[in-house]
Amino acid sequence: TVFLQMNSLKPEDTGMYYCAAANG
């Protein structure tokens, strides 16, 4: 699992969040 800890959120952070993976 990969996490995204989001603190001090702003209205500009609004949106659909997607996880992605690729070759190293």
mmCIF file of all heavy atoms, coordinates in Angstrom:
data_MODEL
# 
_entry.id   MODEL 
# 
loop_
_atom_site.group_PDB 
_atom_site.id 
_atom_site.type_symbol 
_atom_site.label_atom_id 
_atom_site.label_alt_id 
_atom_site.label_comp_id 
_atom_site.label_asym_id 
_atom_site.label_entity_id 
_atom_site.label_seq_id 
_atom_site.pdbx_PDB_ins_code 
_atom_site.Cartn_x 
_atom_site.Cartn_y 
_atom_site.Cartn_z 
_atom_site.occupancy 
_atom_site.B_iso_or_equiv 
_atom_site.pdbx_formal_charge 
_atom_site.auth_seq_id 
_atom_site.auth_comp_id 
_atom_site.auth_asym_id 
_atom_site.auth_atom_id 
_atom_site.pdbx_PDB_model_num 
ATOM 1   N N   . THR A 1 1  ? 0.812   -1.208 0.000   1.00 0.00 ? 1  THR A N   1 
ATOM 2   C CA  . THR A 1 1  ? 0.000   0.000  0.000   1.00 0.00 ? 1  THR A CA  1 
ATOM 3   C C   . THR A 1 1  ? 0.850   1.266  0.000   1.00 0.00 ? 1  THR A C   1 
ATOM 4   O O   . THR A 1 1  ? 1.893   1.325  0.656   1.00 0.00 ? 1  THR A O   1 
ATOM 5   C CB  . THR A 1 1  ? -0.924  0.027  1.230   1.00 0.00 ? 1  THR A CB  1 
ATOM 6   O OG1 . THR A 1 1  ? -1.768  -1.130 1.218   1.00 0.00 ? 1  THR A OG1 1 
ATOM 7   C CG2 . THR A 1 1  ? -1.794  1.269  1.242   1.00 0.00 ? 1  THR A CG2 1 
ATOM 8   N N   . VAL A 1 2  ? 0.399   2.258  -0.739  1.00 0.00 ? 2  VAL A N   1 
ATOM 9   C CA  . VAL A 1 2  ? 1.001   3.584  -0.750  1.00 0.00 ? 2  VAL A CA  1 
ATOM 10  C C   . VAL A 1 2  ? -0.005  4.547  -0.143  1.00 0.00 ? 2  VAL A C   1 
ATOM 11  O O   . VAL A 1 2  ? -1.200  4.468  -0.428  1.00 0.00 ? 2  VAL A O   1 
ATOM 12  C CB  . VAL A 1 2  ? 1.381   4.023  -2.176  1.00 0.00 ? 2  VAL A CB  1 
ATOM 13  C CG1 . VAL A 1 2  ? 1.792   5.495  -2.190  1.00 0.00 ? 2  VAL A CG1 1 
ATOM 14  C CG2 . VAL A 1 2  ? 2.525   3.168  -2.699  1.00 0.00 ? 2  VAL A CG2 1 
ATOM 15  N N   . PHE A 1 3  ? 0.472   5.453  0.692   1.00 0.00 ? 3  PHE A N   1 
ATOM 16  C CA  . PHE A 1 3  ? -0.391  6.402  1.377   1.00 0.00 ? 3  PHE A CA  1 
ATOM 17  C C   . PHE A 1 3  ? -0.101  7.832  0.954   1.00 0.00 ? 3  PHE A C   1 
ATOM 18  O O   . PHE A 1 3  ? 0.993   8.159  0.494   1.00 0.00 ? 3  PHE A O   1 
ATOM 19  C CB  . PHE A 1 3  ? -0.201  6.310  2.892   1.00 0.00 ? 3  PHE A CB  1 
ATOM 20  C CG  . PHE A 1 3  ? -0.409  4.945  3.458   1.00 0.00 ? 3  PHE A CG  1 
ATOM 21  C CD1 . PHE A 1 3  ? 0.664   4.095  3.681   1.00 0.00 ? 3  PHE A CD1 1 
ATOM 22  C CD2 . PHE A 1 3  ? -1.680  4.503  3.785   1.00 0.00 ? 3  PHE A CD2 1 
ATOM 23  C CE1 . PHE A 1 3  ? 0.481   2.837  4.211   1.00 0.00 ? 3  PHE A CE1 1 
ATOM 24  C CE2 . PHE A 1 3  ? -1.882  3.241  4.320   1.00 0.00 ? 3  PHE A CE2 1 
ATOM 25  C CZ  . PHE A 1 3  ? -0.802  2.404  4.531   1.00 0.00 ? 3  PHE A CZ  1 
ATOM 26  N N   . LEU A 1 4  ? -1.085  8.684  1.129   1.00 0.00 ? 4  LEU A N   1 
ATOM 27  C CA  . LEU A 1 4  ? -0.896  10.116 0.947   1.00 0.00 ? 4  LEU A CA  1 
ATOM 28  C C   . LEU A 1 4  ? -1.515  10.794 2.158   1.00 0.00 ? 4  LEU A C   1 
ATOM 29  O O   . LEU A 1 4  ? -2.735  10.881 2.276   1.00 0.00 ? 4  LEU A O   1 
ATOM 30  C CB  . LEU A 1 4  ? -1.546  10.631 -0.334  1.00 0.00 ? 4  LEU A CB  1 
ATOM 31  C CG  . LEU A 1 4  ? -1.299  12.124 -0.623  1.00 0.00 ? 4  LEU A CG  1 
ATOM 32  C CD1 . LEU A 1 4  ? 0.184   12.360 -0.917  1.00 0.00 ? 4  LEU A CD1 1 
ATOM 33  C CD2 . LEU A 1 4  ? -2.139  12.607 -1.796  1.00 0.00 ? 4  LEU A CD2 1 
ATOM 34  N N   . GLN A 1 5  ? -0.658  11.239 3.071   1.00 0.00 ? 5  GLN A N   1 
ATOM 35  C CA  . GLN A 1 5  ? -1.118  11.953 4.252   1.00 0.00 ? 5  GLN A CA  1 
ATOM 36  C C   . GLN A 1 5  ? -1.272  13.415 3.876   1.00 0.00 ? 5  GLN A C   1 
ATOM 37  O O   . GLN A 1 5  ? -0.310  14.063 3.462   1.00 0.00 ? 5  GLN A O   1 
ATOM 38  C CB  . GLN A 1 5  ? -0.117  11.796 5.399   1.00 0.00 ? 5  GLN A CB  1 
ATOM 39  C CG  . GLN A 1 5  ? -0.461  12.596 6.652   1.00 0.00 ? 5  GLN A CG  1 
ATOM 40  C CD  . GLN A 1 5  ? -1.768  12.168 7.279   1.00 0.00 ? 5  GLN A CD  1 
ATOM 41  O OE1 . GLN A 1 5  ? -2.669  12.984 7.510   1.00 0.00 ? 5  GLN A OE1 1 
ATOM 42  N NE2 . GLN A 1 5  ? -1.911  10.881 7.541   1.00 0.00 ? 5  GLN A NE2 1 
ATOM 43  N N   . MET A 1 6  ? -2.482  13.929 4.010   1.00 0.00 ? 6  MET A N   1 
ATOM 44  C CA  . MET A 1 6  ? -2.797  15.288 3.609   1.00 0.00 ? 6  MET A CA  1 
ATOM 45  C C   . MET A 1 6  ? -3.119  16.131 4.839   1.00 0.00 ? 6  MET A C   1 
ATOM 46  O O   . MET A 1 6  ? -4.100  15.884 5.531   1.00 0.00 ? 6  MET A O   1 
ATOM 47  C CB  . MET A 1 6  ? -3.982  15.294 2.641   1.00 0.00 ? 6  MET A CB  1 
ATOM 48  C CG  . MET A 1 6  ? -3.813  14.342 1.463   1.00 0.00 ? 6  MET A CG  1 
ATOM 49  S SD  . MET A 1 6  ? -5.309  14.160 0.465   1.00 0.00 ? 6  MET A SD  1 
ATOM 50  C CE  . MET A 1 6  ? -5.383  15.766 -0.327  1.00 0.00 ? 6  MET A CE  1 
ATOM 51  N N   . ASN A 1 7  ? -2.286  17.110 5.114   1.00 0.00 ? 7  ASN A N   1 
ATOM 52  C CA  . ASN A 1 7  ? -2.470  18.014 6.232   1.00 0.00 ? 7  ASN A CA  1 
ATOM 53  C C   . ASN A 1 7  ? -2.621  19.447 5.737   1.00 0.00 ? 7  ASN A C   1 
ATOM 54  O O   . ASN A 1 7  ? -2.265  19.766 4.614   1.00 0.00 ? 7  ASN A O   1 
ATOM 55  C CB  . ASN A 1 7  ? -1.285  17.931 7.202   1.00 0.00 ? 7  ASN A CB  1 
ATOM 56  C CG  . ASN A 1 7  ? -1.086  16.557 7.796   1.00 0.00 ? 7  ASN A CG  1 
ATOM 57  O OD1 . ASN A 1 7  ? 0.025   16.012 7.768   1.00 0.00 ? 7  ASN A OD1 1 
ATOM 58  N ND2 . ASN A 1 7  ? -2.151  15.992 8.336   1.00 0.00 ? 7  ASN A ND2 1 
ATOM 59  N N   . SER A 1 8  ? -3.137  20.303 6.614   1.00 0.00 ? 8  SER A N   1 
ATOM 60  C CA  . SER A 1 8  ? -3.329  21.719 6.280   1.00 0.00 ? 8  SER A CA  1 
ATOM 61  C C   . SER A 1 8  ? -4.015  21.877 4.928   1.00 0.00 ? 8  SER A C   1 
ATOM 62  O O   . SER A 1 8  ? -3.576  22.639 4.071   1.00 0.00 ? 8  SER A O   1 
ATOM 63  C CB  . SER A 1 8  ? -1.982  22.446 6.286   1.00 0.00 ? 8  SER A CB  1 
ATOM 64  O OG  . SER A 1 8  ? -1.344  22.342 7.541   1.00 0.00 ? 8  SER A OG  1 
ATOM 65  N N   . LEU A 1 9  ? -5.091  21.159 4.754   1.00 0.00 ? 9  LEU A N   1 
ATOM 66  C CA  . LEU A 1 9  ? -5.799  21.145 3.475   1.00 0.00 ? 9  LEU A CA  1 
ATOM 67  C C   . LEU A 1 9  ? -6.319  22.516 3.077   1.00 0.00 ? 9  LEU A C   1 
ATOM 68  O O   . LEU A 1 9  ? -6.731  23.305 3.921   1.00 0.00 ? 9  LEU A O   1 
ATOM 69  C CB  . LEU A 1 9  ? -6.954  20.153 3.529   1.00 0.00 ? 9  LEU A CB  1 
ATOM 70  C CG  . LEU A 1 9  ? -6.549  18.677 3.448   1.00 0.00 ? 9  LEU A CG  1 
ATOM 71  C CD1 . LEU A 1 9  ? -7.718  17.786 3.834   1.00 0.00 ? 9  LEU A CD1 1 
ATOM 72  C CD2 . LEU A 1 9  ? -6.065  18.336 2.041   1.00 0.00 ? 9  LEU A CD2 1 
ATOM 73  N N   . LYS A 1 10 ? -6.295  22.770 1.785   1.00 0.00 ? 10 LYS A N   1 
ATOM 74  C CA  . LYS A 1 10 ? -6.782  24.004 1.206   1.00 0.00 ? 10 LYS A CA  1 
ATOM 75  C C   . LYS A 1 10 ? -7.865  23.693 0.187   1.00 0.00 ? 10 LYS A C   1 
ATOM 76  O O   . LYS A 1 10 ? -7.888  22.604 -0.376  1.00 0.00 ? 10 LYS A O   1 
ATOM 77  C CB  . LYS A 1 10 ? -5.643  24.760 0.512   1.00 0.00 ? 10 LYS A CB  1 
ATOM 78  C CG  . LYS A 1 10 ? -4.477  25.120 1.404   1.00 0.00 ? 10 LYS A CG  1 
ATOM 79  C CD  . LYS A 1 10 ? -3.379  25.813 0.603   1.00 0.00 ? 10 LYS A CD  1 
ATOM 80  C CE  . LYS A 1 10 ? -2.209  26.187 1.485   1.00 0.00 ? 10 LYS A CE  1 
ATOM 81  N NZ  . LYS A 1 10 ? -1.137  26.867 0.715   1.00 0.00 ? 10 LYS A NZ  1 
ATOM 82  N N   . PRO A 1 11 ? -8.764  24.641 -0.080  1.00 0.00 ? 11 PRO A N   1 
ATOM 83  C CA  . PRO A 1 11 ? -9.798  24.416 -1.095  1.00 0.00 ? 11 PRO A CA  1 
ATOM 84  C C   . PRO A 1 11 ? -9.205  24.030 -2.452  1.00 0.00 ? 11 PRO A C   1 
ATOM 85  O O   . PRO A 1 11 ? -9.828  23.286 -3.208  1.00 0.00 ? 11 PRO A O   1 
ATOM 86  C CB  . PRO A 1 11 ? -10.515 25.765 -1.169  1.00 0.00 ? 11 PRO A CB  1 
ATOM 87  C CG  . PRO A 1 11 ? -10.379 26.313 0.210   1.00 0.00 ? 11 PRO A CG  1 
ATOM 88  C CD  . PRO A 1 11 ? -8.981  25.921 0.626   1.00 0.00 ? 11 PRO A CD  1 
ATOM 89  N N   . GLU A 1 12 ? -8.012  24.519 -2.750  1.00 0.00 ? 12 GLU A N   1 
ATOM 90  C CA  . GLU A 1 12 ? -7.335  24.200 -4.003  1.00 0.00 ? 12 GLU A CA  1 
ATOM 91  C C   . GLU A 1 12 ? -6.948  22.731 -4.111  1.00 0.00 ? 12 GLU A C   1 
ATOM 92  O O   . GLU A 1 12 ? -6.608  22.259 -5.195  1.00 0.00 ? 12 GLU A O   1 
ATOM 93  C CB  . GLU A 1 12 ? -6.074  25.059 -4.175  1.00 0.00 ? 12 GLU A CB  1 
ATOM 94  C CG  . GLU A 1 12 ? -6.322  26.554 -4.081  1.00 0.00 ? 12 GLU A CG  1 
ATOM 95  C CD  . GLU A 1 12 ? -6.121  27.081 -2.675  1.00 0.00 ? 12 GLU A CD  1 
ATOM 96  O OE1 . GLU A 1 12 ? -7.108  27.100 -1.905  1.00 0.00 ? 12 GLU A OE1 1 
ATOM 97  O OE2 . GLU A 1 12 ? -4.985  27.489 -2.351  1.00 0.00 ? 12 GLU A OE2 1 
ATOM 98  N N   . ASP A 1 13 ? -6.986  22.003 -3.000  1.00 0.00 ? 13 ASP A N   1 
ATOM 99  C CA  . ASP A 1 13 ? -6.668  20.576 -3.003  1.00 0.00 ? 13 ASP A CA  1 
ATOM 100 C C   . ASP A 1 13 ? -7.845  19.734 -3.475  1.00 0.00 ? 13 ASP A C   1 
ATOM 101 O O   . ASP A 1 13 ? -7.708  18.523 -3.663  1.00 0.00 ? 13 ASP A O   1 
ATOM 102 C CB  . ASP A 1 13 ? -6.250  20.110 -1.606  1.00 0.00 ? 13 ASP A CB  1 
ATOM 103 C CG  . ASP A 1 13 ? -4.948  20.745 -1.143  1.00 0.00 ? 13 ASP A CG  1 
ATOM 104 O OD1 . ASP A 1 13 ? -4.016  20.870 -1.965  1.00 0.00 ? 13 ASP A OD1 1 
ATOM 105 O OD2 . ASP A 1 13 ? -4.855  21.104 0.047   1.00 0.00 ? 13 ASP A OD2 1 
ATOM 106 N N   . THR A 1 14 ? -8.980  20.352 -3.660  1.00 0.00 ? 14 THR A N   1 
ATOM 107 C CA  . THR A 1 14 ? -10.188 19.649 -4.102  1.00 0.00 ? 14 THR A CA  1 
ATOM 108 C C   . THR A 1 14 ? -9.998  19.025 -5.478  1.00 0.00 ? 14 THR A C   1 
ATOM 109 O O   . THR A 1 14 ? -9.437  19.637 -6.381  1.00 0.00 ? 14 THR A O   1 
ATOM 110 C CB  . THR A 1 14 ? -11.388 20.606 -4.137  1.00 0.00 ? 14 THR A CB  1 
ATOM 111 O OG1 . THR A 1 14 ? -11.698 21.022 -2.804  1.00 0.00 ? 14 THR A OG1 1 
ATOM 112 C CG2 . THR A 1 14 ? -12.616 19.932 -4.738  1.00 0.00 ? 14 THR A CG2 1 
ATOM 113 N N   . GLY A 1 15 ? -10.464 17.799 -5.633  1.00 0.00 ? 15 GLY A N   1 
ATOM 114 C CA  . GLY A 1 15 ? -10.377 17.125 -6.913  1.00 0.00 ? 15 GLY A CA  1 
ATOM 115 C C   . GLY A 1 15 ? -10.470 15.622 -6.766  1.00 0.00 ? 15 GLY A C   1 
ATOM 116 O O   . GLY A 1 15 ? -10.561 15.090 -5.667  1.00 0.00 ? 15 GLY A O   1 
ATOM 117 N N   . MET A 1 16 ? -10.449 14.938 -7.897  1.00 0.00 ? 16 MET A N   1 
ATOM 118 C CA  . MET A 1 16 ? -10.418 13.482 -7.900  1.00 0.00 ? 16 MET A CA  1 
ATOM 119 C C   . MET A 1 16 ? -8.957  13.052 -7.818  1.00 0.00 ? 16 MET A C   1 
ATOM 120 O O   . MET A 1 16 ? -8.138  13.488 -8.627  1.00 0.00 ? 16 MET A O   1 
ATOM 121 C CB  . MET A 1 16 ? -11.071 12.930 -9.165  1.00 0.00 ? 16 MET A CB  1 
ATOM 122 C CG  . MET A 1 16 ? -11.210 11.414 -9.194  1.00 0.00 ? 16 MET A CG  1 
ATOM 123 S SD  . MET A 1 16 ? -12.440 10.792 -8.010  1.00 0.00 ? 16 MET A SD  1 
ATOM 124 C CE  . MET A 1 16 ? -13.954 11.311 -8.825  1.00 0.00 ? 16 MET A CE  1 
ATOM 125 N N   . TYR A 1 17 ? -8.649  12.216 -6.851  1.00 0.00 ? 17 TYR A N   1 
ATOM 126 C CA  . TYR A 1 17 ? -7.283  11.744 -6.656  1.00 0.00 ? 17 TYR A CA  1 
ATOM 127 C C   . TYR A 1 17 ? -7.106  10.334 -7.181  1.00 0.00 ? 17 TYR A C   1 
ATOM 128 O O   . TYR A 1 17 ? -7.889  9.436  -6.865  1.00 0.00 ? 17 TYR A O   1 
ATOM 129 C CB  . TYR A 1 17 ? -6.910  11.800 -5.173  1.00 0.00 ? 17 TYR A CB  1 
ATOM 130 C CG  . TYR A 1 17 ? -6.561  13.191 -4.698  1.00 0.00 ? 17 TYR A CG  1 
ATOM 131 C CD1 . TYR A 1 17 ? -7.541  14.179 -4.610  1.00 0.00 ? 17 TYR A CD1 1 
ATOM 132 C CD2 . TYR A 1 17 ? -5.251  13.525 -4.360  1.00 0.00 ? 17 TYR A CD2 1 
ATOM 133 C CE1 . TYR A 1 17 ? -7.226  15.459 -4.204  1.00 0.00 ? 17 TYR A CE1 1 
ATOM 134 C CE2 . TYR A 1 17 ? -4.926  14.805 -3.942  1.00 0.00 ? 17 TYR A CE2 1 
ATOM 135 C CZ  . TYR A 1 17 ? -5.921  15.773 -3.868  1.00 0.00 ? 17 TYR A CZ  1 
ATOM 136 O OH  . TYR A 1 17 ? -5.598  17.047 -3.454  1.00 0.00 ? 17 TYR A OH  1 
ATOM 137 N N   . TYR A 1 18 ? -6.070  10.145 -7.988  1.00 0.00 ? 18 TYR A N   1 
ATOM 138 C CA  . TYR A 1 18 ? -5.789  8.858  -8.604  1.00 0.00 ? 18 TYR A CA  1 
ATOM 139 C C   . TYR A 1 18 ? -4.422  8.339  -8.189  1.00 0.00 ? 18 TYR A C   1 
ATOM 140 O O   . TYR A 1 18 ? -3.467  9.099  -8.071  1.00 0.00 ? 18 TYR A O   1 
ATOM 141 C CB  . TYR A 1 18 ? -5.804  8.970  -10.131 1.00 0.00 ? 18 TYR A CB  1 
ATOM 142 C CG  . TYR A 1 18 ? -7.114  9.407  -10.724 1.00 0.00 ? 18 TYR A CG  1 
ATOM 143 C CD1 . TYR A 1 18 ? -7.386  10.753 -10.949 1.00 0.00 ? 18 TYR A CD1 1 
ATOM 144 C CD2 . TYR A 1 18 ? -8.082  8.471  -11.082 1.00 0.00 ? 18 TYR A CD2 1 
ATOM 145 C CE1 . TYR A 1 18 ? -8.580  11.154 -11.505 1.00 0.00 ? 18 TYR A CE1 1 
ATOM 146 C CE2 . TYR A 1 18 ? -9.283  8.864  -11.637 1.00 0.00 ? 18 TYR A CE2 1 
ATOM 147 C CZ  . TYR A 1 18 ? -9.522  10.211 -11.849 1.00 0.00 ? 18 TYR A CZ  1 
ATOM 148 O OH  . TYR A 1 18 ? -10.720 10.610 -12.407 1.00 0.00 ? 18 TYR A OH  1 
ATOM 149 N N   . CYS A 1 19 ? -4.339  7.045  -7.994  1.00 0.00 ? 19 CYS A N   1 
ATOM 150 C CA  . CYS A 1 19 ? -3.084  6.370  -7.729  1.00 0.00 ? 19 CYS A CA  1 
ATOM 151 C C   . CYS A 1 19 ? -2.582  5.774  -9.035  1.00 0.00 ? 19 CYS A C   1 
ATOM 152 O O   . CYS A 1 19 ? -3.371  5.301  -9.848  1.00 0.00 ? 19 CYS A O   1 
ATOM 153 C CB  . CYS A 1 19 ? -3.291  5.261  -6.691  1.00 0.00 ? 19 CYS A CB  1 
ATOM 154 S SG  . CYS A 1 19 ? -1.808  4.310  -6.285  1.00 0.00 ? 19 CYS A SG  1 
ATOM 155 N N   . ALA A 1 20 ? -1.275  5.820  -9.262  1.00 0.00 ? 20 ALA A N   1 
ATOM 156 C CA  . ALA A 1 20 ? -0.699  5.292  -10.487 1.00 0.00 ? 20 ALA A CA  1 
ATOM 157 C C   . ALA A 1 20 ? 0.598   4.553  -10.205 1.00 0.00 ? 20 ALA A C   1 
ATOM 158 O O   . ALA A 1 20 ? 1.293   4.840  -9.233  1.00 0.00 ? 20 ALA A O   1 
ATOM 159 C CB  . ALA A 1 20 ? -0.450  6.427  -11.488 1.00 0.00 ? 20 ALA A CB  1 
ATOM 160 N N   . ALA A 1 21 ? 0.935   3.598  -11.080 1.00 0.00 ? 21 ALA A N   1 
ATOM 161 C CA  . ALA A 1 21 ? 2.155   2.814  -10.920 1.00 0.00 ? 21 ALA A CA  1 
ATOM 162 C C   . ALA A 1 21 ? 2.866   2.651  -12.252 1.00 0.00 ? 21 ALA A C   1 
ATOM 163 O O   . ALA A 1 21 ? 2.233   2.592  -13.308 1.00 0.00 ? 21 ALA A O   1 
ATOM 164 C CB  . ALA A 1 21 ? 1.828   1.443  -10.331 1.00 0.00 ? 21 ALA A CB  1 
ATOM 165 N N   . ALA A 1 22 ? 4.191   2.569  -12.194 1.00 0.00 ? 22 ALA A N   1 
ATOM 166 C CA  . ALA A 1 22 ? 5.004   2.412  -13.387 1.00 0.00 ? 22 ALA A CA  1 
ATOM 167 C C   . ALA A 1 22 ? 6.325   1.746  -13.040 1.00 0.00 ? 22 ALA A C   1 
ATOM 168 O O   . ALA A 1 22 ? 6.619   1.475  -11.876 1.00 0.00 ? 22 ALA A O   1 
ATOM 169 C CB  . ALA A 1 22 ? 5.263   3.770  -14.037 1.00 0.00 ? 22 ALA A CB  1 
ATOM 170 N N   . ASN A 1 23 ? 7.121   1.488  -14.056 1.00 0.00 ? 23 ASN A N   1 
ATOM 171 C CA  . ASN A 1 23 ? 8.459   0.948  -13.855 1.00 0.00 ? 23 ASN A CA  1 
ATOM 172 C C   . ASN A 1 23 ? 9.282   1.932  -13.022 1.00 0.00 ? 23 ASN A C   1 
ATOM 173 O O   . ASN A 1 23 ? 9.088   3.138  -13.100 1.00 0.00 ? 23 ASN A O   1 
ATOM 174 C CB  . ASN A 1 23 ? 9.133   0.707  -15.210 1.00 0.00 ? 23 ASN A CB  1 
ATOM 175 C CG  . ASN A 1 23 ? 10.469  -0.002 -15.091 1.00 0.00 ? 23 ASN A CG  1 
ATOM 176 O OD1 . ASN A 1 23 ? 11.478  0.614  -14.773 1.00 0.00 ? 23 ASN A OD1 1 
ATOM 177 N ND2 . ASN A 1 23 ? 10.468  -1.301 -15.343 1.00 0.00 ? 23 ASN A ND2 1 
ATOM 178 N N   . GLY A 1 24 ? 10.188  1.410  -12.223 1.00 0.00 ? 24 GLY A N   1 
ATOM 179 C CA  . GLY A 1 24 ? 10.994  2.236  -11.350 1.00 0.00 ? 24 GLY A CA  1 
ATOM 180 C C   . GLY A 1 24 ? 11.814  3.305  -12.044 1.00 0.00 ? 24 GLY A C   1 
ATOM 181 O O   . GLY A 1 24 ? 12.158  4.318  -11.435 1.00 0.00 ? 24 GLY A O   1 
# 
